[in-house]
Protein backbone atom coordinates (compact mmCIF):
# COMPACT_ATOMS: atom_id res chain seq x y z
CA MET A 1 -1.33 7.05 24.29
CA GLU A 2 1.31 6.48 26.98
CA GLY A 3 0.78 3.25 28.89
CA ILE A 4 -1.51 1.80 26.22
CA ILE A 5 -0.19 -1.32 24.51
CA ILE A 6 -0.75 -1.20 20.76
CA THR A 7 -1.02 -4.54 18.99
CA ILE A 8 0.25 -4.84 15.44
CA LYS A 9 -2.31 -6.97 13.62
CA ILE A 10 -1.01 -8.67 10.47
CA LYS A 11 -3.26 -9.74 7.61
CA GLY A 12 -2.01 -11.29 4.38
CA ILE A 13 -3.69 -10.55 1.03
CA PRO A 14 -1.99 -13.08 -1.28
CA HIS A 15 -3.13 -12.08 -4.75
CA PHE A 16 -2.02 -10.87 -8.17
CA ALA A 17 -5.45 -9.98 -9.54
CA GLY A 18 -4.19 -6.69 -10.94
CA ALA A 19 -0.86 -7.95 -12.28
CA PHE A 20 0.38 -9.49 -15.53
CA VAL A 21 2.50 -12.25 -13.97
CA SER A 22 2.60 -14.00 -10.63
CA GLY A 23 4.95 -13.31 -7.72
CA THR A 24 3.26 -10.80 -5.45
CA GLU A 25 0.78 -13.38 -4.17
CA LEU A 26 3.71 -15.14 -2.47
CA SER A 27 4.75 -12.05 -0.52
CA PRO A 28 2.80 -12.58 2.75
CA ASP A 29 4.21 -16.08 3.20
CA ALA A 30 7.73 -14.97 2.22
CA LEU A 31 7.73 -12.12 4.74
CA ARG A 32 6.50 -14.39 7.51
CA LYS A 33 9.19 -16.96 6.69
CA ALA A 34 11.76 -14.15 6.76
CA GLY A 35 10.85 -13.55 10.40
CA LEU A 36 8.51 -10.56 10.27
CA VAL A 37 6.60 -11.46 13.43
CA GLU A 38 9.73 -12.37 15.39
CA HIS A 39 11.55 -9.23 14.27
CA MET A 40 8.72 -6.98 15.47
CA GLN A 41 8.48 -8.87 18.75
CA ARG A 42 12.19 -8.32 19.32
CA ARG A 43 11.51 -4.62 18.86
CA GLY A 44 9.09 -4.79 21.79
CA LEU A 45 5.89 -4.86 19.75
CA ALA A 46 2.83 -6.96 20.52
CA VAL A 47 1.91 -8.86 17.34
CA GLU A 48 -1.16 -10.83 16.32
CA ASP A 49 -1.11 -12.67 13.00
CA LEU A 50 -4.63 -12.89 11.60
CA GLY A 51 -3.61 -15.20 8.76
CA ASP A 52 -4.45 -14.63 5.10
CA LEU A 53 -7.57 -13.42 3.35
CA LYS A 54 -9.37 -16.39 1.78
CA LEU A 55 -9.76 -15.61 -1.91
CA PRO A 56 -12.39 -17.12 -4.22
CA ASP A 57 -11.39 -20.51 -5.61
CA TYR A 58 -11.55 -19.14 -9.16
CA MET A 59 -10.42 -15.69 -10.24
CA PRO A 60 -10.29 -15.05 -14.02
CA ARG A 61 -6.98 -14.37 -15.78
CA HIS A 62 -6.83 -12.96 -19.31
CA ASN A 63 -5.42 -10.14 -21.44
CA ILE A 64 -8.63 -8.81 -22.92
CA PRO A 65 -8.97 -4.99 -22.92
CA PRO A 66 -9.62 -2.79 -21.17
CA VAL A 67 -8.87 -4.25 -17.69
CA ARG A 68 -6.64 -7.30 -17.38
CA ASN A 69 -8.20 -10.26 -15.55
CA TRP A 70 -11.54 -8.49 -15.05
CA PRO A 71 -13.65 -9.19 -13.01
CA ALA A 72 -10.98 -10.69 -10.72
CA PRO A 73 -9.98 -7.22 -9.38
CA ARG A 74 -13.62 -6.40 -8.64
CA MET A 75 -14.04 -9.75 -6.88
CA LEU A 76 -11.04 -8.91 -4.68
CA TRP A 77 -12.27 -5.38 -3.94
CA ASP A 78 -15.76 -6.52 -2.97
CA LEU A 79 -14.28 -9.11 -0.63
CA LEU A 80 -11.85 -6.61 0.89
CA GLN A 81 -14.49 -3.93 1.34
CA LYS A 82 -16.58 -6.42 3.30
CA GLU A 83 -13.85 -7.96 5.42
CA ALA A 84 -11.10 -5.34 5.86
CA ALA A 85 -13.39 -2.96 7.74
CA GLU A 86 -13.65 -5.66 10.42
CA TRP A 87 -9.85 -5.83 10.75
CA MET A 88 -9.57 -2.10 11.33
CA ASP A 89 -9.60 -1.02 14.96
CA GLN A 90 -8.14 2.31 15.96
CA SER A 91 -6.98 0.83 19.29
CA ASP A 92 -4.57 -1.37 17.32
CA PHE A 93 -2.48 -1.00 14.16
CA LEU A 94 -3.30 -3.02 11.05
CA LEU A 95 -0.48 -4.17 8.76
CA MET A 96 -1.71 -5.68 5.48
CA LEU A 97 0.70 -7.66 3.33
CA GLY A 98 -0.08 -7.71 -0.41
CA GLY A 99 -0.26 -8.63 -3.13
CA ASP A 100 -0.14 -6.24 -6.06
CA CYS A 101 -1.13 -2.64 -5.48
CA SER A 102 -4.60 -2.92 -7.02
CA LEU A 103 -5.78 -3.93 -3.55
CA ILE A 104 -5.80 -0.21 -2.67
CA VAL A 105 -9.33 0.07 -4.07
CA GLY A 106 -10.80 -2.50 -1.69
CA THR A 107 -8.83 -1.40 1.36
CA ALA A 108 -9.60 2.29 0.74
CA LEU A 109 -13.30 1.49 0.43
CA ALA A 110 -13.14 -0.44 3.71
CA HIS A 111 -11.17 2.37 5.36
CA GLN A 112 -13.80 4.90 4.37
CA GLN A 113 -16.59 2.58 5.43
CA ARG A 114 -14.93 2.37 8.86
CA TYR A 115 -14.02 6.05 9.33
CA GLY A 116 -16.19 8.07 6.95
CA GLU A 117 -14.95 11.57 6.11
CA GLN A 118 -12.08 11.13 8.58
CA ALA A 119 -10.52 8.57 6.22
CA TYR A 120 -7.36 9.77 4.45
CA LEU A 121 -4.98 7.93 2.15
CA LEU A 122 -1.21 8.50 2.09
CA VAL A 123 0.28 6.74 -0.93
CA ILE A 124 4.04 6.13 -0.89
CA ASP A 125 4.67 4.99 -4.43
CA GLY A 126 6.98 5.56 -7.37
CA HIS A 127 3.97 6.15 -9.62
CA LEU A 128 0.48 7.63 -9.66
CA ASP A 129 -1.54 4.49 -10.38
CA ALA A 130 -4.39 6.28 -12.14
CA VAL A 131 -4.37 4.99 -15.72
CA ALA A 132 -7.83 5.23 -17.27
CA PRO A 133 -9.33 2.12 -18.93
CA SER A 134 -9.09 2.22 -22.71
CA ALA A 135 -10.82 -0.06 -25.21
CA ASN A 136 -7.72 -0.45 -27.38
CA ARG A 137 -5.24 -1.67 -24.76
CA CYS A 138 -5.17 -4.09 -21.84
CA ILE A 139 -3.89 -2.61 -18.58
CA GLY A 140 -3.69 -4.28 -15.18
CA ALA A 141 -5.74 -2.83 -12.34
CA ALA A 142 -2.46 -2.42 -10.43
CA GLY A 143 -1.88 0.69 -12.55
CA MET A 144 -5.45 1.97 -12.20
CA GLY A 145 -6.32 1.94 -8.50
CA LEU A 146 -6.58 5.69 -7.91
CA TRP A 147 -8.51 6.14 -11.15
CA PHE A 148 -11.15 3.71 -9.90
CA LEU A 149 -11.35 5.48 -6.53
CA LEU A 150 -11.41 9.06 -7.86
CA GLN A 151 -12.73 8.98 -11.43
CA ASP A 152 -15.00 6.01 -11.97
CA GLN A 153 -18.59 7.21 -11.96
CA GLY A 154 -20.29 4.01 -10.95
CA MET A 155 -19.50 2.09 -14.15
CA TRP A 156 -16.92 -0.42 -12.91
CA ILE A 157 -17.47 -0.12 -9.17
CA GLU A 158 -20.07 1.63 -7.07
CA ARG A 159 -19.23 5.30 -6.52
CA SER A 160 -16.43 5.27 -3.96
CA GLY A 161 -17.05 8.63 -2.30
CA TRP A 162 -13.29 9.29 -2.26
CA THR A 163 -12.14 12.78 -3.26
CA ALA A 164 -8.68 13.94 -4.28
CA ASP A 165 -8.29 16.27 -1.29
CA ARG A 166 -8.12 13.20 0.98
CA VAL A 167 -5.31 11.54 -0.99
CA LYS A 168 -1.59 12.41 -0.85
CA LEU A 169 1.07 10.81 -3.07
CA VAL A 170 4.74 10.78 -2.03
CA GLY A 171 7.74 9.53 -4.00
CA CYS A 172 6.43 9.79 -7.57
CA GLN A 173 9.34 9.38 -9.99
CA LYS A 174 7.83 11.24 -12.96
CA PRO A 175 5.07 13.88 -12.95
CA PRO A 176 1.93 12.28 -14.47
CA ASN A 177 0.06 13.92 -17.34
CA GLU A 178 -3.06 14.00 -15.19
CA ALA A 179 -3.05 13.97 -11.38
CA TYR A 180 -6.83 14.26 -10.91
CA GLY A 181 -6.31 16.81 -8.16
CA VAL A 182 -4.09 14.61 -5.96
CA GLU A 183 -1.29 16.47 -4.16
CA ILE A 184 2.00 14.96 -5.30
CA VAL A 185 5.35 15.21 -3.55
CA SER A 186 7.79 14.01 -6.19
CA LEU A 187 10.93 11.99 -5.66
CA GLU A 188 12.85 15.00 -6.96
CA LYS A 189 11.32 17.21 -4.28
CA LEU A 190 12.15 14.70 -1.55
CA HIS A 191 15.75 14.62 -2.72
CA ALA A 192 15.99 18.38 -3.17
CA GLY A 193 15.45 19.31 0.48
CA ASP A 194 14.99 17.98 3.99
CA MET A 195 12.88 14.82 3.56
CA GLU A 196 11.68 14.74 7.18
CA GLN A 197 10.69 18.39 7.01
CA GLU A 198 8.79 17.84 3.76
CA MET A 199 6.98 14.85 5.24
CA ALA A 200 6.15 16.89 8.34
CA ARG A 201 4.53 19.46 6.03
CA VAL A 202 2.52 16.75 4.26
CA MET A 203 1.30 15.29 7.56
CA GLN A 204 0.41 18.74 8.88
CA SER A 205 -1.78 19.29 5.82
CA ILE A 206 -4.01 16.42 6.97
CA PRO A 207 -6.72 17.30 9.53
CA PRO A 208 -5.92 16.49 13.18
CA ASP A 209 -8.89 14.13 13.52
CA ALA A 210 -8.01 12.12 10.39
CA LYS A 211 -7.57 8.34 10.29
CA ILE A 212 -4.81 7.61 7.79
CA LEU A 213 -4.25 4.48 5.72
CA VAL A 214 -0.69 4.28 4.34
CA HIS A 215 -0.17 2.50 1.03
CA PHE A 216 3.52 1.53 0.78
CA ASP A 217 4.53 0.27 -2.65
CA VAL A 218 8.06 -1.13 -2.52
CA ASP A 219 8.74 0.20 -6.03
CA VAL A 220 9.20 3.62 -4.43
CA MET A 221 12.72 2.30 -3.73
CA ASN A 222 15.36 2.04 -6.41
CA LYS A 223 16.45 -1.24 -7.99
CA GLU A 224 19.67 -1.39 -6.01
CA SER A 225 17.74 -1.20 -2.74
CA MET A 226 14.80 -3.42 -3.70
CA PRO A 227 15.43 -5.55 -6.81
CA ALA A 228 12.50 -7.80 -5.82
CA ALA A 229 9.94 -5.11 -6.57
CA TYR A 230 7.47 -6.31 -9.20
CA ALA A 231 8.65 -3.56 -11.57
CA PRO A 232 11.98 -2.27 -10.23
CA SER A 233 13.30 1.12 -11.39
CA GLU A 234 16.80 2.56 -11.51
CA THR A 235 15.52 5.65 -9.68
CA GLY A 236 13.83 5.81 -6.30
CA LEU A 237 14.49 6.05 -2.61
CA SER A 238 17.38 4.23 -1.02
CA LEU A 239 16.62 1.67 1.67
CA GLU A 240 17.80 4.11 4.33
CA GLU A 241 15.64 6.91 2.90
CA ALA A 242 12.58 4.66 2.77
CA GLN A 243 13.07 3.72 6.41
CA ARG A 244 13.47 7.35 7.49
CA LEU A 245 10.34 8.30 5.57
CA LEU A 246 8.28 5.48 7.08
CA VAL A 247 9.49 6.26 10.60
CA ARG A 248 8.39 9.88 10.16
CA VAL A 249 4.97 8.79 8.91
CA LEU A 250 4.29 5.93 11.33
CA GLN A 251 5.14 7.92 14.43
CA ASP A 252 1.97 9.90 13.68
CA ARG A 253 -0.78 8.25 15.72
CA ARG A 254 -3.39 9.24 13.16
CA VAL A 255 -1.96 6.46 10.99
CA VAL A 256 -4.08 3.43 11.85
CA ALA A 257 -3.14 1.00 9.09
CA MET A 258 -0.56 0.31 6.40
CA GLU A 259 -0.49 -1.97 3.40
CA VAL A 260 2.71 -3.22 1.75
CA THR A 261 2.50 -4.05 -1.95
CA GLU A 262 4.43 -5.04 -5.07
CA PHE A 263 7.04 -7.27 -3.41
CA SER A 264 7.59 -10.20 -5.77
CA ALA A 265 8.87 -13.21 -3.89
CA LEU A 266 9.64 -14.96 -7.19
CA ARG A 267 12.37 -12.36 -7.81
CA ASP A 268 13.87 -13.12 -4.40
CA THR A 269 15.45 -16.52 -4.97
CA THR A 270 17.64 -16.41 -1.84
CA GLY A 271 15.20 -14.79 0.58
CA GLU A 272 17.63 -11.94 1.12
CA GLN A 273 15.26 -9.27 -0.14
CA ALA A 274 12.43 -10.50 2.08
CA GLN A 275 14.76 -10.23 5.07
CA LYS A 276 15.72 -6.73 3.98
CA LEU A 277 12.06 -5.70 3.76
CA VAL A 278 11.32 -7.32 7.13
CA GLY A 279 14.13 -5.25 8.67
CA LEU A 280 12.78 -2.07 7.10
CA LEU A 281 9.24 -2.70 8.31
CA GLY A 282 10.34 -3.78 11.77
CA GLU A 283 12.48 -0.72 12.34
CA ALA A 284 9.79 1.63 11.04
CA LEU A 285 6.99 0.01 13.04
CA ALA A 286 9.07 0.06 16.22
CA VAL A 287 7.91 3.67 16.71
CA ARG A 288 4.43 2.27 17.42
CA GLY A 289 5.67 0.55 20.59
């Protein structure tokens, strides 16, 4: 890879199709205004801003069980599956700015469409978003993404083809009741030992010819570090830990794309948190230069 200039391509996905309240749809614009492009350029990176995904003019919003706002999430996923595969080019690096984390379904489908069985998913998240739909409660698709990818049998979406052995979850705060076969590296485990060494083990468990999509949910950080997360938690990684983790992951050239989700610009009244996230992303992505 030496001597080859890698371009960081930025694409905004300004939506909250899988969320209860608004805020995450403002994230792409907030991060740009906080100087994301300029910060990366100062780090020596070539950057191309591809603008935002154009969403349908009308996307339903409701609280009717079992899936909040349905079929708005499916509308987003179908659009992403069609268009995101065209953004993905292994000669460059794709940075997607969400949006709530339900977008993982559409981007993972596009990633697999582009790379087939070489497609792997590394989820850096405080939770396993794999809640199953239930007729007696209304849940947002933001908490269901991995269930749709791994468990849906062609009822809500076409069969995804994703299997649990190609998905890794890092940073989970509490062990889920059902992991559906996904390997989980808990927050406790990250804190118990050498985080870089543990991440090296995770990356080594992925085949050498893999093409990895990283899903980075900002709620993997604690409330003190990222109070503008859509659902902040008292526990989680510190800002410094999150940066170290991302640097370790992004220096792996098998990682071809990353999506950033669950940043709520409405919680960031001063813009300070957007600047903090821009700094984190810029420093981590600098290893791609």
